N, C-alpha and C. Protein backbone atom coordinates (compact mmCIF):
# COMPACT_ATOMS: atom_id res chain seq x y z
N MET A 1 143.61 69.35 92.99
CA MET A 1 142.58 68.91 93.32
C MET A 1 142.31 69.51 94.82
N ASN A 2 143.13 69.73 95.49
CA ASN A 2 142.81 71.00 96.86
C ASN A 2 142.51 72.28 96.05
N HIS A 3 143.13 72.92 95.39
CA HIS A 3 142.88 74.31 94.49
C HIS A 3 141.74 74.36 94.17
N THR A 4 141.21 73.20 93.15
CA THR A 4 140.00 72.99 92.55
C THR A 4 138.85 73.39 93.34
N ARG A 5 138.92 72.41 94.79
CA ARG A 5 138.01 72.54 95.71
C ARG A 5 137.61 73.76 96.33
N LEU A 6 139.10 74.33 96.63
CA LEU A 6 139.04 75.68 96.99
C LEU A 6 138.21 76.71 96.30
N SER A 7 138.54 76.55 94.93
CA SER A 7 137.99 77.55 93.93
C SER A 7 136.62 77.16 93.46
N ILE A 8 136.25 76.07 93.86
CA ILE A 8 134.47 76.04 93.32
C ILE A 8 133.99 76.54 94.87
N GLY A 9 134.50 76.17 96.29
CA GLY A 9 134.00 76.71 97.06
C GLY A 9 134.09 78.57 97.31
N ARG A 10 134.88 78.85 96.75
CA ARG A 10 135.10 80.52 96.76
C ARG A 10 134.12 80.73 95.52
N GLU A 11 133.79 80.03 94.17
CA GLU A 11 132.60 80.74 93.41
C GLU A 11 131.33 80.17 94.22
N LEU A 12 130.95 79.36 95.00
CA LEU A 12 129.68 79.38 95.69
C LEU A 12 129.61 79.84 96.72
N LEU A 13 130.56 80.74 97.14
CA LEU A 13 130.52 81.76 98.23
C LEU A 13 130.30 82.79 97.61
N VAL A 14 130.63 83.25 96.47
CA VAL A 14 130.28 84.43 95.66
C VAL A 14 128.94 84.53 95.10
N ALA A 15 128.69 83.33 94.66
CA ALA A 15 126.86 83.22 94.05
C ALA A 15 126.26 83.45 95.07
N SER A 16 126.65 82.69 96.67
CA SER A 16 125.31 83.03 97.54
C SER A 16 125.40 84.38 97.82
N GLY A 17 126.78 84.93 98.25
CA GLY A 17 126.54 86.51 98.58
C GLY A 17 125.91 87.12 97.54
N THR A 18 126.27 86.87 96.30
CA THR A 18 125.20 87.72 95.41
C THR A 18 123.71 87.58 95.43
N LEU A 19 123.66 86.14 95.80
CA LEU A 19 121.99 85.86 95.86
C LEU A 19 121.32 86.77 96.92
N VAL A 20 122.43 86.56 98.51
CA VAL A 20 121.68 86.96 99.45
C VAL A 20 121.49 88.76 99.10
N LEU A 21 122.68 89.24 98.34
CA LEU A 21 122.75 90.70 98.40
C LEU A 21 121.33 91.02 96.97
N SER A 22 121.04 90.52 96.51
CA SER A 22 120.20 90.70 95.18
C SER A 22 118.81 90.83 95.90
N LEU A 23 118.51 89.93 96.69
CA LEU A 23 117.46 89.95 97.31
C LEU A 23 117.24 90.79 98.32
N ALA A 24 118.14 91.24 99.00
CA ALA A 24 118.27 92.34 100.28
C ALA A 24 118.09 93.62 99.37
N VAL A 25 118.74 93.95 98.55
CA VAL A 25 119.02 95.21 97.71
C VAL A 25 118.14 95.37 96.64
N LEU A 26 118.08 94.63 95.68
CA LEU A 26 117.36 94.89 94.62
C LEU A 26 115.48 95.38 94.66
N PRO A 27 114.77 94.41 95.61
CA PRO A 27 113.48 94.74 95.52
C PRO A 27 113.33 96.68 96.17
N CYS A 28 114.18 96.89 97.09
CA CYS A 28 114.49 98.22 97.49
C CYS A 28 115.07 99.26 96.25
N VAL A 29 115.40 98.88 95.79
CA VAL A 29 115.91 99.54 94.31
C VAL A 29 114.93 99.79 93.63
N ILE A 30 114.04 98.56 93.18
CA ILE A 30 113.07 98.37 92.48
C ILE A 30 112.08 99.40 92.79
N TYR A 31 111.62 99.68 94.36
CA TYR A 31 110.62 100.59 94.75
C TYR A 31 111.17 101.71 94.70
N LEU A 32 112.30 102.12 94.76
CA LEU A 32 112.93 103.45 94.79
C LEU A 32 112.36 104.13 93.35
N VAL A 33 112.96 103.45 92.47
CA VAL A 33 112.90 103.59 91.02
C VAL A 33 111.33 103.98 90.69
N GLY A 34 110.64 102.84 90.87
CA GLY A 34 108.88 102.98 90.77
C GLY A 34 108.47 104.12 91.49
N MET A 35 108.63 104.18 92.27
CA MET A 35 108.12 105.34 93.28
C MET A 35 108.50 106.89 92.15
N GLY A 36 109.54 106.89 91.72
CA GLY A 36 109.91 107.83 90.87
C GLY A 36 109.39 108.00 89.73
N PHE A 37 109.09 106.71 88.97
CA PHE A 37 108.45 107.08 87.74
C PHE A 37 106.83 106.87 87.65
N PHE A 38 106.44 106.07 88.59
CA PHE A 38 104.88 105.60 88.89
C PHE A 38 104.35 106.28 89.88
N GLY A 39 104.89 106.48 90.96
CA GLY A 39 104.24 107.01 92.17
C GLY A 39 103.99 106.01 93.27
N PRO A 40 103.09 106.10 93.94
CA PRO A 40 103.25 105.05 95.40
C PRO A 40 102.95 103.68 94.88
N TYR A 41 103.61 102.82 95.55
CA TYR A 41 103.51 101.34 95.35
C TYR A 41 102.19 101.05 96.29
N ASP A 42 101.10 100.01 95.39
CA ASP A 42 100.20 100.10 95.93
C ASP A 42 99.94 98.43 96.36
N GLY A 43 101.03 97.68 96.45
CA GLY A 43 101.20 96.40 96.74
C GLY A 43 100.70 95.40 95.99
N GLY A 44 100.56 95.83 94.68
CA GLY A 44 99.93 94.89 93.97
C GLY A 44 98.29 94.18 93.92
N ASN A 45 97.53 94.46 95.27
CA ASN A 45 96.45 94.52 95.45
C ASN A 45 95.72 95.65 95.66
N GLY A 46 96.15 96.67 95.29
CA GLY A 46 95.36 98.09 95.48
C GLY A 46 95.38 98.54 96.85
N GLY A 47 96.15 98.01 97.74
CA GLY A 47 96.08 98.46 99.53
C GLY A 47 97.24 98.39 100.18
N GLY A 48 98.26 98.81 99.56
CA GLY A 48 99.64 98.57 100.18
C GLY A 48 99.89 99.86 101.00
N ALA A 49 99.89 99.83 102.14
CA ALA A 49 100.13 101.14 102.90
C ALA A 49 101.64 101.33 103.38
N ASN A 50 102.43 99.96 103.28
CA ASN A 50 103.53 99.93 103.83
C ASN A 50 104.84 100.12 102.88
N GLY A 51 104.47 100.55 101.68
CA GLY A 51 105.41 100.61 100.73
C GLY A 51 106.49 99.41 100.33
N VAL A 52 108.01 99.77 100.96
CA VAL A 52 108.95 99.04 100.58
C VAL A 52 108.76 97.47 101.24
N ILE A 53 107.85 97.53 102.35
CA ILE A 53 107.91 95.97 102.93
C ILE A 53 106.79 94.98 102.25
N ASP A 54 105.97 96.21 101.70
CA ASP A 54 104.88 95.37 100.82
C ASP A 54 105.52 94.84 99.18
N MET A 55 106.70 95.46 98.99
CA MET A 55 107.51 95.50 97.53
C MET A 55 108.21 93.85 97.76
N TYR A 56 109.09 93.90 99.35
CA TYR A 56 109.87 92.63 99.85
C TYR A 56 108.70 91.50 99.90
N ALA A 57 107.63 91.88 100.62
CA ALA A 57 106.36 90.63 100.75
C ALA A 57 106.00 90.19 99.28
N ALA A 58 105.70 91.09 98.46
CA ALA A 58 105.44 90.38 97.11
C ALA A 58 106.49 89.84 96.30
N THR A 59 107.64 90.26 96.28
CA THR A 59 108.63 89.62 95.87
C THR A 59 108.83 88.21 96.35
N LEU A 60 108.83 88.17 98.06
CA LEU A 60 109.35 86.89 98.19
C LEU A 60 107.94 85.64 97.65
N SER A 61 106.77 86.41 97.88
CA SER A 61 105.53 85.57 97.63
C SER A 61 105.66 85.31 96.15
N ASP A 62 106.08 85.98 95.27
CA ASP A 62 106.24 85.68 93.88
C ASP A 62 107.17 84.76 93.40
N LEU A 63 108.30 84.36 94.75
CA LEU A 63 109.33 83.32 94.57
C LEU A 63 108.60 82.04 94.61
N LEU A 64 107.70 82.00 95.70
CA LEU A 64 106.90 80.80 96.10
C LEU A 64 106.16 80.46 95.22
N VAL A 65 105.02 81.47 94.38
CA VAL A 65 104.62 80.85 93.34
C VAL A 65 104.92 79.76 92.23
N PRO A 66 105.81 79.81 91.68
CA PRO A 66 106.94 80.82 90.92
C PRO A 66 106.78 81.69 89.85
N ARG A 67 107.04 83.22 89.92
CA ARG A 67 106.98 84.02 88.98
C ARG A 67 108.24 84.25 88.44
N LEU A 68 108.39 84.24 87.18
CA LEU A 68 109.55 84.60 86.31
C LEU A 68 110.43 85.95 86.74
N ALA A 69 109.59 87.05 87.03
CA ALA A 69 109.94 88.24 87.46
C ALA A 69 110.69 88.11 88.49
N ALA A 70 110.00 87.71 89.75
CA ALA A 70 110.82 87.71 91.07
C ALA A 70 111.99 86.63 90.67
N TRP A 71 111.98 85.67 90.02
CA TRP A 71 112.98 84.90 89.89
C TRP A 71 114.40 85.40 89.14
N ILE A 72 113.76 86.37 88.21
CA ILE A 72 114.88 86.93 87.48
C ILE A 72 115.78 87.96 88.76
N ILE A 73 114.59 88.57 89.10
CA ILE A 73 115.33 89.57 90.26
C ILE A 73 116.19 89.09 91.05
N ALA A 74 115.81 87.87 91.82
CA ALA A 74 116.68 86.89 92.65
C ALA A 74 118.02 86.25 92.43
N VAL A 75 117.94 85.72 90.96
CA VAL A 75 119.17 85.02 90.41
C VAL A 75 119.87 85.70 89.34
N GLY A 76 119.24 86.44 88.83
CA GLY A 76 119.95 87.36 87.94
C GLY A 76 121.28 88.01 88.20
N PRO A 77 121.26 88.58 89.08
CA PRO A 77 123.01 89.17 89.51
C PRO A 77 123.60 87.97 89.72
N ALA A 78 123.25 87.08 90.21
CA ALA A 78 124.12 86.13 90.77
C ALA A 78 124.86 85.61 89.52
N VAL A 79 123.72 85.20 88.45
CA VAL A 79 123.75 84.16 87.49
C VAL A 79 125.19 85.46 86.39
N CYS A 80 124.94 86.53 86.32
CA CYS A 80 125.79 87.58 85.60
C CYS A 80 127.19 87.64 86.47
N VAL A 81 127.34 87.68 87.62
CA VAL A 81 128.72 87.71 88.31
C VAL A 81 129.36 86.58 87.91
N VAL A 82 128.76 85.23 88.36
CA VAL A 82 129.62 84.03 87.56
C VAL A 82 129.67 84.12 86.51
N ALA A 83 129.12 84.29 85.55
CA ALA A 83 129.15 84.24 84.02
C ALA A 83 130.49 85.17 84.21
N LEU A 84 130.49 86.55 84.47
CA LEU A 84 131.52 87.35 84.47
C LEU A 84 133.01 87.14 85.01
N ARG A 85 133.00 86.25 86.19
CA ARG A 85 134.10 85.51 86.76
C ARG A 85 134.44 84.38 85.70
N LEU A 86 133.82 83.58 85.28
CA LEU A 86 134.30 82.31 84.28
C LEU A 86 134.88 82.90 83.23
N ILE A 87 134.07 84.08 82.47
CA ILE A 87 134.83 84.43 81.30
C ILE A 87 136.16 85.28 81.82
N PHE A 88 136.26 85.66 83.05
CA PHE A 88 137.68 86.17 83.14
C PHE A 88 138.84 85.16 83.62
N LYS A 89 138.07 84.40 84.05
CA LYS A 89 139.00 83.03 84.57
C LYS A 89 139.57 82.20 83.16
N LEU A 90 138.74 82.30 82.52
CA LEU A 90 138.57 81.25 81.32
C LEU A 90 139.86 82.15 80.60
N THR A 91 139.43 83.63 80.22
CA THR A 91 140.77 84.11 79.50
C THR A 91 141.83 84.58 79.84
N GLN A 92 142.00 84.51 81.14
CA GLN A 92 143.21 84.51 82.17
C GLN A 92 144.17 83.30 81.81
N GLN A 93 143.26 82.11 81.89
CA GLN A 93 144.03 80.97 81.62
C GLN A 93 144.62 80.68 80.56
N HIS A 94 143.82 81.33 79.18
CA HIS A 94 144.10 81.19 77.84
C HIS A 94 145.32 82.18 77.80
N THR A 95 145.27 83.15 78.18
CA THR A 95 146.77 84.16 78.21
C THR A 95 148.01 83.31 78.83
N ALA A 96 147.58 82.68 80.07
CA ALA A 96 148.55 81.92 80.41
C ALA A 96 149.69 80.71 79.86
N GLU A 97 148.27 80.08 78.99
CA GLU A 97 148.98 78.88 78.16
C GLU A 97 149.89 79.54 77.08
N THR A 98 149.40 80.69 76.47
CA THR A 98 149.99 81.23 75.41
C THR A 98 151.62 81.92 75.54
N PRO A 99 152.20 81.10 74.65
CA PRO A 99 153.78 81.19 74.95
C PRO A 99 153.74 82.55 74.53
N SER A 100 154.75 83.46 74.99
CA SER A 100 155.58 84.74 74.70
C SER A 100 156.69 84.37 73.44
N VAL A 101 156.24 85.04 72.45
CA VAL A 101 157.62 84.82 71.37
C VAL A 101 158.36 85.78 71.66
N PRO A 102 159.93 85.27 72.16
CA PRO A 102 161.03 85.55 72.72
C PRO A 102 161.68 86.71 72.00
N THR A 103 162.18 87.64 72.03
CA THR A 103 162.64 88.64 71.35
C THR A 103 164.42 88.50 71.12
N MET A 104 164.51 88.55 69.84
CA MET A 104 166.02 88.18 70.07
C MET A 104 166.98 89.67 70.01
N ARG A 105 168.15 89.43 70.88
CA ARG A 105 169.00 90.29 71.32
C ARG A 105 169.74 90.60 69.88
N ARG A 106 170.05 92.10 69.70
CA ARG A 106 170.66 92.55 68.83
C ARG A 106 171.94 93.26 69.58
N GLU A 107 172.88 92.70 69.02
CA GLU A 107 174.60 93.33 69.41
C GLU A 107 174.42 94.42 68.69
N PRO A 108 175.11 95.40 69.65
CA PRO A 108 175.51 96.88 68.92
C PRO A 108 176.77 96.79 68.18
N ILE A 109 176.71 97.43 67.02
CA ILE A 109 178.22 97.32 66.27
C ILE A 109 178.96 98.70 66.14
N ILE A 110 179.79 98.59 66.88
CA ILE A 110 180.41 100.06 67.14
C ILE A 110 181.65 100.04 66.13
N GLY A 111 181.76 101.29 65.48
CA GLY A 111 182.48 101.79 64.57
C GLY A 111 182.39 101.43 62.88
N GLY A 112 181.19 100.70 62.84
CA GLY A 112 181.08 100.34 61.36
C GLY A 112 181.06 99.67 60.54
């Protein structure tokens, strides 16, 4: 029981850390890639002069509206990380439960 509580606490910590990281990093990455492909970011309303700060503001305000794209940016990486960790943990448990087939020892025959 204590191990399960520790495991759930660790998973919540990983999920919340991934959520914070995705909110901190992804808007900046999206801004930089968008600058390379589309040119300067106009802030979504035609007059953003603050670049990446406008991108962060637009993303956070879209979370409050709510808009699907902003929520995918926010929770998408956390969902992927938690799903991958769950798949990894389930496959580890499956291989641990599968008994290995013991190999038979063959005695050497000397002299024929």
